[in-house]
Protein backbone atom coordinates (compact mmCIF):
# COMPACT_ATOMS: atom_id res chain seq x y z
CA MET A 1 104.86 70.63 48.79
CA SER A 2 101.32 70.95 50.05
CA ASP A 3 99.28 73.80 51.42
CA LYS A 4 100.32 72.92 54.99
CA LEU A 5 101.93 75.76 56.90
CA ILE A 6 104.34 73.64 58.91
CA SER A 7 105.83 70.19 59.29
CA VAL A 8 106.71 69.43 62.91
CA VAL A 9 109.78 67.17 62.82
CA MET A 10 109.93 65.06 65.97
CA PRO A 11 112.17 62.02 66.47
CA THR A 12 110.79 60.18 69.51
CA SER A 13 111.76 57.27 71.74
CA SER A 14 110.10 55.77 74.81
CA ARG A 15 113.61 54.89 76.04
CA GLN A 16 114.23 58.57 76.70
CA HIS A 17 110.80 60.11 77.25
CA THR A 18 107.47 58.82 78.46
CA HIS A 19 104.34 58.54 76.37
CA ALA A 20 102.86 61.27 78.59
CA SER A 21 105.62 63.70 77.60
CA LEU A 22 105.01 62.94 73.91
CA LEU A 23 101.27 63.53 74.37
CA ARG A 24 102.04 66.81 76.18
CA ALA A 25 104.21 67.91 73.22
CA LEU A 26 101.60 67.00 70.63
CA GLY A 27 98.74 68.36 72.73
CA SER A 28 100.46 71.72 73.13
CA LEU A 29 100.89 72.04 69.37
CA LYS A 30 97.24 71.18 68.77
CA ASP A 31 95.87 73.32 71.61
CA THR A 32 97.86 76.44 70.65
CA SER A 33 97.31 76.23 66.89
CA THR A 34 94.72 78.44 65.26
CA ASP A 35 94.15 75.92 62.44
CA PHE A 36 95.49 72.44 63.25
CA GLY A 37 94.63 71.34 59.70
CA GLN A 38 97.66 73.40 58.60
CA VAL A 39 99.98 71.45 60.90
CA GLU A 40 101.70 68.23 59.85
CA ILE A 41 103.15 66.12 62.70
CA LEU A 42 106.00 63.80 61.66
CA LEU A 43 107.29 61.21 64.15
CA ARG A 44 110.44 59.11 63.68
CA ILE A 45 109.97 55.93 65.75
CA ASP A 46 112.47 53.13 66.37
CA ASP A 47 111.24 49.77 65.05
CA ASP A 48 112.29 48.11 68.32
CA ASP A 49 110.18 50.51 70.44
CA PRO A 50 106.87 48.65 70.96
CA GLU A 51 105.41 51.38 73.20
CA ARG A 52 105.66 53.98 70.42
CA VAL A 53 104.88 51.59 67.55
CA ASN A 54 101.75 50.33 69.32
CA ALA A 55 100.63 53.93 70.01
CA VAL A 56 100.67 54.90 66.31
CA PRO A 57 96.90 54.29 65.70
CA GLU A 58 96.03 56.49 68.72
CA LEU A 59 98.45 59.22 67.58
CA VAL A 60 97.10 59.14 64.02
CA SER A 61 93.53 59.37 65.31
CA GLU A 62 94.21 62.16 67.83
CA PHE A 63 96.87 64.22 66.03
CA GLY A 64 96.92 63.00 62.41
CA VAL A 65 100.59 62.06 62.69
CA LYS A 66 102.63 60.60 59.87
CA GLU A 67 105.18 58.12 61.13
CA PHE A 68 108.49 56.87 59.83
CA ILE A 69 109.40 53.62 61.60
CA GLY A 70 112.98 52.47 61.16
CA PRO A 71 115.98 50.92 62.88
CA ARG A 72 117.28 52.54 66.06
CA GLY A 73 120.91 52.23 65.04
CA GLU A 74 122.95 54.20 67.57
CA GLY A 75 119.96 56.05 68.96
CA TYR A 76 120.67 59.74 69.65
CA ASN A 77 123.90 59.48 67.68
CA ASN A 78 121.72 58.83 64.61
CA MET A 79 119.54 61.94 65.17
CA GLY A 80 120.70 63.54 61.91
CA GLY A 81 119.60 60.44 60.00
CA PHE A 82 116.27 60.40 61.85
CA VAL A 83 115.62 64.00 60.78
CA ASN A 84 116.59 63.11 57.20
CA ASP A 85 114.05 60.25 57.34
CA LEU A 86 111.31 62.65 58.43
CA MET A 87 112.20 65.24 55.81
CA THR A 88 111.26 62.69 53.13
CA LEU A 89 107.68 63.01 54.46
CA ALA A 90 107.63 66.79 55.06
CA THR A 91 105.23 68.82 52.92
CA GLY A 92 104.79 72.03 54.94
CA LYS A 93 106.25 75.41 53.93
CA TRP A 94 108.17 75.44 57.23
CA SER A 95 109.82 72.67 59.28
CA TRP A 96 110.01 72.90 63.07
CA LEU A 97 112.59 70.76 64.88
CA PHE A 98 110.59 69.89 68.00
CA ASP A 99 111.83 67.76 70.91
CA ASP A 100 109.47 65.05 72.18
CA ASP A 101 109.90 66.31 75.76
CA SER A 102 109.05 69.92 74.86
CA TRP A 103 105.86 71.91 74.62
CA VAL A 104 104.84 75.33 73.36
CA SER A 105 102.60 78.20 74.46
CA GLY A 106 101.46 81.34 72.66
CA ASN A 107 100.07 82.03 69.21
CA TRP A 108 102.97 80.54 67.27
CA GLN A 109 100.83 79.75 64.23
CA GLY A 110 99.49 83.27 63.84
CA ALA A 111 102.98 84.73 64.26
CA LEU A 112 104.50 82.26 61.77
CA GLN A 113 101.82 82.93 59.14
CA ALA A 114 102.93 86.58 59.10
CA VAL A 115 106.53 85.65 58.15
CA PRO A 116 107.34 85.26 54.44
CA CYS A 117 108.96 81.87 53.75
CA ASP A 118 111.94 82.05 51.38
CA PRO A 119 114.10 78.90 51.16
CA GLN A 120 116.91 80.83 49.48
CA ASN A 121 117.17 83.89 51.72
CA GLY A 122 115.44 82.91 54.95
CA PRO A 123 114.45 83.90 57.45
CA ALA A 124 114.39 81.28 60.16
CA CYS A 125 112.09 81.56 63.16
CA ILE A 126 112.19 80.69 66.83
CA ALA A 127 110.03 81.23 69.91
CA GLU A 128 110.62 84.54 71.68
CA PHE A 129 111.34 82.68 74.93
CA TYR A 130 113.01 79.38 75.75
CA HIS A 131 112.46 77.57 79.05
CA LEU A 132 114.92 74.86 80.06
CA GLY A 133 113.56 73.23 83.19
CA GLU A 134 112.84 76.10 85.59
CA SER A 135 115.03 78.66 83.78
CA GLN A 136 113.70 81.13 81.21
CA TYR A 137 115.84 82.70 78.48
CA THR A 138 115.05 85.20 75.78
CA ASN A 139 115.96 84.18 72.24
CA PHE A 140 116.66 87.77 71.20
CA PRO A 141 119.14 89.11 70.10
CA THR A 142 121.02 85.83 70.31
CA CYS A 143 119.46 82.47 69.70
CA SER A 144 119.33 79.20 71.56
CA PRO A 145 119.12 76.36 69.00
CA PRO A 146 116.23 74.24 70.40
CA GLY A 147 112.96 74.72 68.56
CA LEU A 148 114.30 76.25 65.33
CA ILE A 149 111.94 76.69 62.38
CA MET A 150 113.35 76.78 58.85
CA PRO A 151 111.89 76.71 55.34
CA THR A 152 111.27 73.05 54.47
CA GLU A 153 112.86 73.32 51.02
CA ALA A 154 116.10 74.53 52.63
CA VAL A 155 116.09 71.72 55.22
CA LYS A 156 115.50 69.08 52.53
CA LYS A 157 118.79 70.16 50.91
CA LEU A 158 120.73 69.50 54.12
CA ASP A 159 122.27 66.21 55.09
CA SER A 160 121.41 66.64 58.77
CA LYS A 161 124.23 65.84 61.19
CA ASN A 162 124.43 65.76 64.98
CA PRO A 163 123.65 67.90 66.84
CA VAL A 164 120.91 68.81 64.37
CA ASP A 165 119.74 72.01 66.07
CA CYS A 166 123.29 73.39 66.12
CA GLN A 167 123.78 72.43 62.46
CA TRP A 168 120.58 74.27 61.51
CA LEU A 169 121.73 77.34 63.46
CA SER A 170 125.13 77.20 61.75
CA VAL A 171 123.49 77.08 58.30
CA ILE A 172 121.29 80.04 59.25
CA GLN A 173 124.29 82.06 60.45
CA GLN A 174 126.50 81.13 57.46
CA SER A 175 123.69 82.14 55.11
CA ASN A 176 123.27 85.47 56.93
CA TRP A 177 119.60 84.77 57.44
CA LYS A 178 117.60 86.82 59.84
CA ILE A 179 116.13 84.94 62.81
CA ILE A 180 112.60 86.10 63.57
CA CYS A 181 111.46 85.66 67.17
CA LEU A 182 107.78 84.74 67.27
CA PRO A 183 106.36 87.28 69.74
CA GLY A 184 104.70 85.95 72.87
CA VAL A 185 105.67 82.35 72.05
CA THR A 186 107.51 80.18 74.59
CA TYR A 187 109.23 76.87 73.83
CA PHE A 188 109.48 74.77 76.98
CA HIS A 189 112.03 71.97 77.25
CA ASP A 190 111.81 69.49 80.10
CA GLY A 191 115.58 69.21 80.36
CA ARG A 192 115.60 66.36 82.87
CA ILE A 193 118.40 63.86 82.51
CA ARG A 194 117.15 60.31 82.16
CA ALA A 195 119.06 57.07 82.49
């Protein structure tokens, strides 16, 4: 582990989401962080995705990303494996499962820094609000899985399976971990269906 606060775990594919949506996701993380040097961006890119592969130098320069480039396999059906690939690179105290068509607002970094990170006993964290398209939901007292944040050491012990966000939530619930809502933080998810 390093002294990074968080590893942002983001499988990405230009087949599903545009480069602009990826830049919006990354830009929101950078623009809302209080110390971007404490944020580690990890991208899982398909080796047959020239748009994303060719963008790596720009993404490294702009956002300091670390990339794992590998076979696409069955695409979304391999999401658990993609997350496992990224976890081999993760060095932050926390890991945030972040969709490449999502973005965040609010002081998530300040709120997260106030939460003690214990890979044995939790807690997990999530934005206070979740937007899917035009609809807003509160993540308290129940939790919507997208955008979960867990201690990295705990995630590294998982063999992530699909759907990853639901698996993480199941582990949190089975472990009786508390879920801390990060106050004033909103996780936006595009939610548009693409062909």
